[in-house]
Amino acid sequence: MKHLYSRLAEEFPLLFGKNSVYAVHAERFKEDFEGTFADVVLKYARGGGFGPSTPPTLILLEQQGTLARYFSRFILDSAGSDCYSKLLLALKKSGMIQQSIFGSLNYECLLEQSADGLDLTVDYWCDQNHPDVVSLAKIHGSCNFVTQRFDRHQQAMLSAQAGFFGVEVTPLCVHDLEQALSAQLAAGSFPVMSQISASKENFVDSTKFRAARNTWQEGVSNARDKVIVIGVSCNPNDSHILEPIKEVRVPLLYIGGDFAKWKETNSGFKYLGETFEDGLEHLLNSMDI
């Protein structure tokens, strides 16, 4: 996250570059992107942030299009040597895919790409049960999730401040994603992604999206073997993540740099490594695969 603002400024200079309205806050963005995003973007931006109200929902959704395009550019190589592919391959060989449910806080689609490379199908709504199907709840949305198309009249309705709208969600294919996403955005669709802030505000809603999140929460609460957390910081605002994990009574395994806070959340956590690369072998050994 410390590099996110610099990357956005390079790739989207009109919105985040040195002559943009956000440039004066560049150092704050680099230090704390989510906190600064909440202060500067979610609070009326005309005066440079810190205002008493949020911008119109339409503006926030349009800006999310830029962020979604950025995350759509993350692409795995085809070698299959990445940790996502290694983990899924081990689960596939052991026959454990069908007994697993994944929850991702990431907006990019690297896990989906690795699944596709292993001839696995991704089920975002977590309502299928098959050995070759990966149940994946994208808890904060995804750069390949788009709404239905909004015409000009409907977009005018989105011009209210803090508007909250029910939408249909269509997942786009992860191949050539940026091209497909750009076409959808140009035609009047919007990304289904939470705001990149500490509280992950979301101004669009989907019944299927909420159902998938609930299925993931139930999966954590009713886990019969292990619960594994990889690369997730312990954010006190993410009560929808923390509360189910607090109640877990099966072994908890952690890979990442925020172990002390997770240990306070649930004393059952075991530390496996700071990075995915460091901890993957320990993880596979702990799972006997």
Protein backbone atom coordinates (compact mmCIF):
# COMPACT_ATOMS: atom_id res chain seq x y z
CA MET A 1 0.00 0.00 0.00
CA LYS A 2 2.93 2.36 0.55
CA HIS A 3 3.69 2.13 -3.18
CA LEU A 4 0.10 2.40 -4.40
CA TYR A 5 -0.11 6.19 -4.66
CA SER A 6 3.17 6.45 -6.59
CA ARG A 7 2.01 3.79 -9.05
CA LEU A 8 -1.36 5.49 -9.52
CA ALA A 9 0.34 8.87 -10.03
CA GLU A 10 2.52 7.35 -12.77
CA GLU A 11 -0.25 5.53 -14.59
CA PHE A 12 -3.15 7.97 -14.07
CA PRO A 13 -1.55 11.44 -13.78
CA LEU A 14 -4.78 13.38 -14.36
CA LEU A 15 -6.37 11.94 -11.24
CA PHE A 16 -3.33 11.31 -9.02
CA GLY A 17 -0.37 13.03 -10.69
CA LYS A 18 1.62 16.09 -9.63
CA ASN A 19 -0.94 18.53 -11.06
CA SER A 20 -3.97 16.73 -9.62
CA VAL A 21 -6.11 17.86 -6.69
CA TYR A 22 -4.62 15.04 -4.60
CA ALA A 23 -0.95 15.87 -5.24
CA VAL A 24 -0.67 18.11 -2.17
CA HIS A 25 -1.48 15.04 -0.06
CA ALA A 26 1.00 12.74 -1.84
CA GLU A 27 3.24 12.09 1.17
CA ARG A 28 0.26 11.30 3.36
CA PHE A 29 -1.04 8.88 0.74
CA LYS A 30 2.35 7.14 0.67
CA GLU A 31 2.37 6.78 4.44
CA ASP A 32 -1.27 5.76 4.96
CA PHE A 33 -3.21 5.34 1.74
CA GLU A 34 -6.47 4.12 3.30
CA GLY A 35 -6.62 6.80 5.99
CA THR A 36 -5.74 9.57 3.56
CA PHE A 37 -8.22 8.26 1.00
CA ALA A 38 -10.95 8.51 3.63
CA ASP A 39 -9.97 12.08 4.54
CA VAL A 40 -9.23 13.43 1.07
CA VAL A 41 -11.42 11.48 -1.35
CA LEU A 42 -14.45 10.43 0.67
CA LYS A 43 -14.80 13.86 2.25
CA TYR A 44 -15.79 16.43 -0.29
CA ALA A 45 -12.79 16.88 -2.58
CA ARG A 46 -13.55 20.33 -3.99
CA GLY A 47 -11.63 21.94 -1.15
CA GLY A 48 -8.94 19.27 -1.03
CA GLY A 49 -10.67 16.99 1.42
CA PHE A 50 -11.61 17.11 5.09
CA GLY A 51 -15.11 18.41 4.33
CA PRO A 52 -18.25 17.47 6.24
CA SER A 53 -19.82 15.41 3.43
CA THR A 54 -18.95 12.89 0.80
CA PRO A 55 -18.90 13.66 -2.93
CA PRO A 56 -21.81 12.51 -5.09
CA THR A 57 -21.87 8.73 -5.46
CA LEU A 58 -21.46 9.07 -9.24
CA ILE A 59 -18.08 10.76 -8.81
CA LEU A 60 -16.85 8.09 -6.41
CA LEU A 61 -17.97 5.28 -8.73
CA GLU A 62 -16.30 6.94 -11.72
CA GLN A 63 -13.04 7.25 -9.78
CA GLN A 64 -13.32 3.59 -8.82
CA GLY A 65 -13.11 2.85 -12.53
CA THR A 66 -9.56 4.18 -12.55
CA LEU A 67 -8.60 2.05 -9.55
CA ALA A 68 -10.25 -1.03 -11.05
CA ARG A 69 -8.28 -0.57 -14.26
CA TYR A 70 -5.07 -0.37 -12.24
CA PHE A 71 -5.73 -3.63 -10.41
CA SER A 72 -6.78 -5.33 -13.66
CA ARG A 73 -3.18 -4.93 -14.88
CA PHE A 74 -1.76 -7.42 -12.37
CA ILE A 75 -1.05 -10.59 -14.34
CA LEU A 76 0.69 -13.83 -13.43
CA ASP A 77 3.20 -15.35 -15.82
CA SER A 78 2.33 -18.74 -17.26
CA ALA A 79 5.10 -20.69 -15.51
CA GLY A 80 2.93 -21.75 -12.57
CA SER A 81 5.78 -21.06 -10.14
CA ASP A 82 3.88 -18.46 -8.12
CA CYS A 83 2.58 -19.23 -4.62
CA TYR A 84 -1.07 -19.02 -5.65
CA SER A 85 -0.60 -21.75 -8.24
CA LYS A 86 1.51 -23.91 -5.94
CA LEU A 87 -1.10 -23.77 -3.19
CA LEU A 88 -4.03 -24.53 -5.50
CA LEU A 89 -2.10 -27.34 -7.20
CA ALA A 90 -1.36 -28.96 -3.84
CA LEU A 91 -5.00 -28.68 -2.81
CA LYS A 92 -6.13 -30.08 -6.14
CA LYS A 93 -3.79 -33.09 -5.96
CA SER A 94 -4.89 -33.82 -2.40
CA GLY A 95 -8.58 -33.61 -3.28
CA MET A 96 -9.12 -30.75 -0.81
CA ILE A 97 -10.47 -28.11 -3.22
CA GLN A 98 -14.03 -29.27 -2.67
CA GLN A 99 -13.68 -28.96 1.12
CA SER A 100 -12.11 -25.48 0.97
CA ILE A 101 -13.58 -22.01 0.80
CA PHE A 102 -11.49 -18.97 0.03
CA GLY A 103 -12.07 -15.38 1.04
CA SER A 104 -10.00 -12.66 -0.62
CA LEU A 105 -9.66 -9.01 0.34
CA ASN A 106 -7.65 -8.30 -2.82
CA TYR A 107 -9.14 -6.38 -5.73
CA GLU A 108 -6.88 -8.01 -8.34
CA CYS A 109 -7.48 -11.43 -9.89
CA LEU A 110 -4.22 -13.35 -9.40
CA LEU A 111 -5.86 -16.23 -7.55
CA GLU A 112 -8.41 -16.56 -10.33
CA GLN A 113 -5.65 -16.58 -12.94
CA SER A 114 -3.82 -19.35 -11.11
CA ALA A 115 -7.04 -21.37 -10.88
CA ASP A 116 -7.61 -21.00 -14.60
CA GLY A 117 -4.07 -22.20 -15.30
CA LEU A 118 -4.87 -25.39 -13.39
CA ASP A 119 -8.19 -25.94 -15.23
CA LEU A 120 -10.16 -25.02 -12.12
CA THR A 121 -13.38 -23.02 -12.28
CA VAL A 122 -13.90 -20.10 -9.90
CA ASP A 123 -17.30 -19.81 -8.22
CA TYR A 124 -17.61 -16.28 -6.82
CA TRP A 125 -21.01 -16.99 -5.26
CA CYS A 126 -19.84 -20.08 -3.36
CA ASP A 127 -22.92 -22.12 -4.18
CA GLN A 128 -21.30 -24.92 -6.21
CA ASN A 129 -19.68 -28.05 -4.82
CA HIS A 130 -17.30 -29.85 -7.15
CA PRO A 131 -13.67 -31.10 -6.99
CA ASP A 132 -12.64 -28.72 -9.78
CA VAL A 133 -14.44 -25.62 -8.48
CA VAL A 134 -12.74 -23.01 -6.29
CA SER A 135 -15.25 -21.27 -4.00
CA LEU A 136 -13.93 -17.71 -3.77
CA ALA A 137 -15.73 -14.90 -1.94
CA LYS A 138 -14.24 -11.53 -2.99
CA ILE A 139 -15.24 -9.90 0.27
CA HIS A 140 -14.48 -6.29 -0.70
CA GLY A 141 -15.35 -6.67 -4.36
CA SER A 142 -13.07 -7.19 -7.34
CA CYS A 143 -11.69 -5.28 -10.30
CA ASN A 144 -13.51 -7.72 -12.61
CA PHE A 145 -16.93 -7.20 -10.98
CA VAL A 146 -19.11 -4.72 -12.85
CA THR A 147 -22.65 -3.44 -12.40
CA GLN A 148 -25.39 -3.34 -14.99
CA ARG A 149 -25.16 -0.40 -17.36
CA PHE A 150 -26.64 2.88 -16.12
CA ASP A 151 -28.21 5.25 -18.64
CA ARG A 152 -28.01 9.04 -18.27
CA HIS A 153 -31.20 9.24 -16.25
CA GLN A 154 -29.99 6.57 -13.86
CA GLN A 155 -26.59 8.24 -13.58
CA ALA A 156 -28.37 11.47 -12.63
CA MET A 157 -29.95 9.54 -9.76
CA LEU A 158 -26.43 8.54 -8.68
CA SER A 159 -25.52 12.22 -8.26
CA ALA A 160 -26.87 12.25 -4.71
CA GLN A 161 -24.37 12.31 -1.87
CA ALA A 162 -23.87 9.04 0.02
CA GLY A 163 -26.35 7.28 -2.25
CA PHE A 164 -26.57 3.51 -1.83
CA PHE A 165 -27.83 1.47 -4.76
CA GLY A 166 -28.77 -2.13 -5.39
CA VAL A 167 -27.07 -3.59 -8.45
CA GLU A 168 -26.61 -6.73 -10.47
CA VAL A 169 -23.02 -8.02 -10.50
CA THR A 170 -21.35 -9.55 -13.55
CA PRO A 171 -17.85 -11.05 -13.18
CA LEU A 172 -15.69 -10.42 -16.24
CA CYS A 173 -13.28 -13.04 -17.60
CA VAL A 174 -9.81 -12.49 -16.15
CA HIS A 175 -8.15 -12.84 -19.58
CA ASP A 176 -7.56 -9.47 -21.31
CA LEU A 177 -9.34 -8.00 -18.32
CA GLU A 178 -8.38 -4.35 -18.67
CA GLN A 179 -9.70 -4.21 -22.23
CA ALA A 180 -13.02 -5.80 -21.27
CA LEU A 181 -13.30 -3.65 -18.15
CA SER A 182 -12.61 -0.42 -20.05
CA ALA A 183 -15.33 -1.31 -22.56
CA GLN A 184 -17.85 -1.92 -19.77
CA LEU A 185 -16.96 1.34 -18.03
CA ALA A 186 -17.29 3.29 -21.28
CA ALA A 187 -20.74 1.75 -21.82
CA GLY A 188 -22.04 2.94 -18.45
CA SER A 189 -21.16 0.19 -15.97
CA PHE A 190 -19.27 0.72 -12.72
CA PRO A 191 -16.88 -1.49 -10.75
CA VAL A 192 -18.16 -3.34 -7.70
CA MET A 193 -15.30 -2.56 -5.33
CA SER A 194 -15.31 -1.11 -1.87
CA GLN A 195 -13.55 2.21 -1.41
CA ILE A 196 -9.85 1.85 -0.54
CA SER A 197 -10.35 3.27 2.93
CA ALA A 198 -10.06 1.85 6.41
CA SER A 199 -13.81 1.26 6.63
CA LYS A 200 -14.14 -0.08 3.04
CA GLU A 201 -17.27 1.95 2.28
CA ASN A 202 -19.37 0.53 -0.54
CA PHE A 203 -22.03 2.51 -2.39
CA VAL A 204 -23.43 -0.36 -4.43
CA ASP A 205 -24.98 -3.53 -3.11
CA SER A 206 -25.80 -6.97 -4.46
CA THR A 207 -27.80 -9.77 -2.87
CA LYS A 208 -25.51 -12.42 -4.39
CA PHE A 209 -22.43 -10.54 -3.24
CA ARG A 210 -23.69 -10.40 0.35
CA ALA A 211 -24.70 -14.05 0.21
CA ALA A 212 -21.17 -15.06 -0.82
CA ARG A 213 -19.69 -13.07 2.06
CA ASN A 214 -22.12 -14.75 4.45
CA THR A 215 -21.16 -18.18 3.10
CA TRP A 216 -17.50 -17.40 3.74
CA GLN A 217 -18.27 -16.26 7.29
CA GLU A 218 -20.22 -19.46 7.93
CA GLY A 219 -17.34 -21.47 6.48
CA VAL A 220 -14.92 -19.87 8.94
CA SER A 221 -17.28 -20.27 11.88
CA ASN A 222 -18.00 -23.93 11.06
CA ALA A 223 -14.49 -24.93 9.95
CA ARG A 224 -13.76 -28.58 10.79
CA ASP A 225 -10.02 -28.65 10.07
CA LYS A 226 -8.02 -25.41 9.78
CA VAL A 227 -8.44 -21.71 9.11
CA ILE A 228 -5.55 -20.06 7.27
CA VAL A 229 -4.91 -16.31 7.01
CA ILE A 230 -2.37 -15.16 4.42
CA GLY A 231 -1.13 -11.59 4.06
CA VAL A 232 -4.05 -9.90 5.84
CA SER A 233 -3.49 -7.06 8.28
CA CYS A 234 -5.60 -7.06 11.43
CA ASN A 235 -7.87 -4.07 10.72
CA PRO A 236 -10.20 -3.26 13.65
CA ASN A 237 -12.67 -1.73 11.17
CA ASP A 238 -13.09 -5.09 9.43
CA SER A 239 -15.45 -6.53 12.00
CA HIS A 240 -16.93 -8.80 9.32
CA ILE A 241 -13.50 -10.44 9.16
CA LEU A 242 -12.44 -10.32 12.79
CA GLU A 243 -15.64 -11.48 14.46
CA PRO A 244 -15.84 -14.92 12.77
CA ILE A 245 -12.11 -15.49 13.37
CA LYS A 246 -12.43 -14.63 17.06
CA GLU A 247 -14.78 -17.59 17.44
CA VAL A 248 -12.63 -20.17 15.60
CA ARG A 249 -11.72 -23.20 17.70
CA VAL A 250 -9.82 -25.24 15.09
CA PRO A 251 -6.09 -24.56 14.44
CA LEU A 252 -5.36 -21.14 12.96
CA LEU A 253 -2.32 -20.62 10.70
CA TYR A 254 -0.92 -17.20 9.76
CA ILE A 255 1.43 -15.92 7.08
CA GLY A 256 2.12 -12.19 7.13
CA GLY A 257 3.52 -9.28 9.07
CA ASP A 258 0.75 -8.59 11.58
CA PHE A 259 0.96 -11.71 13.72
CA ALA A 260 0.94 -10.07 17.16
CA LYS A 261 -2.43 -8.40 16.53
CA TRP A 262 -3.97 -11.58 15.15
CA LYS A 263 -2.67 -13.49 18.17
CA GLU A 264 -4.50 -11.01 20.40
CA THR A 265 -7.65 -11.61 18.37
CA ASN A 266 -7.45 -15.39 18.76
CA SER A 267 -4.78 -17.11 20.85
CA GLY A 268 -4.98 -20.19 18.63
CA PHE A 269 -2.93 -18.61 15.83
CA LYS A 270 0.36 -20.23 14.77
CA TYR A 271 2.93 -18.20 12.83
CA LEU A 272 4.34 -19.70 9.62
CA GLY A 273 6.29 -16.88 7.97
CA GLU A 274 6.26 -13.20 7.05
CA THR A 275 5.71 -13.62 3.30
CA PHE A 276 3.79 -16.08 1.16
CA GLU A 277 7.11 -17.34 -0.23
CA ASP A 278 8.55 -17.83 3.28
CA GLY A 279 5.51 -19.58 4.69
CA LEU A 280 4.14 -21.69 1.84
CA GLU A 281 6.22 -24.81 2.48
CA HIS A 282 5.42 -24.66 6.20
CA LEU A 283 1.76 -24.26 5.32
CA LEU A 284 1.70 -27.30 3.04
CA ASN A 285 3.50 -29.36 5.68
CA SER A 286 0.99 -28.24 8.32
CA MET A 287 -1.80 -29.39 6.03
CA ASP A 288 -0.06 -32.72 5.29
CA ILE A 289 -0.08 -32.09 1.53
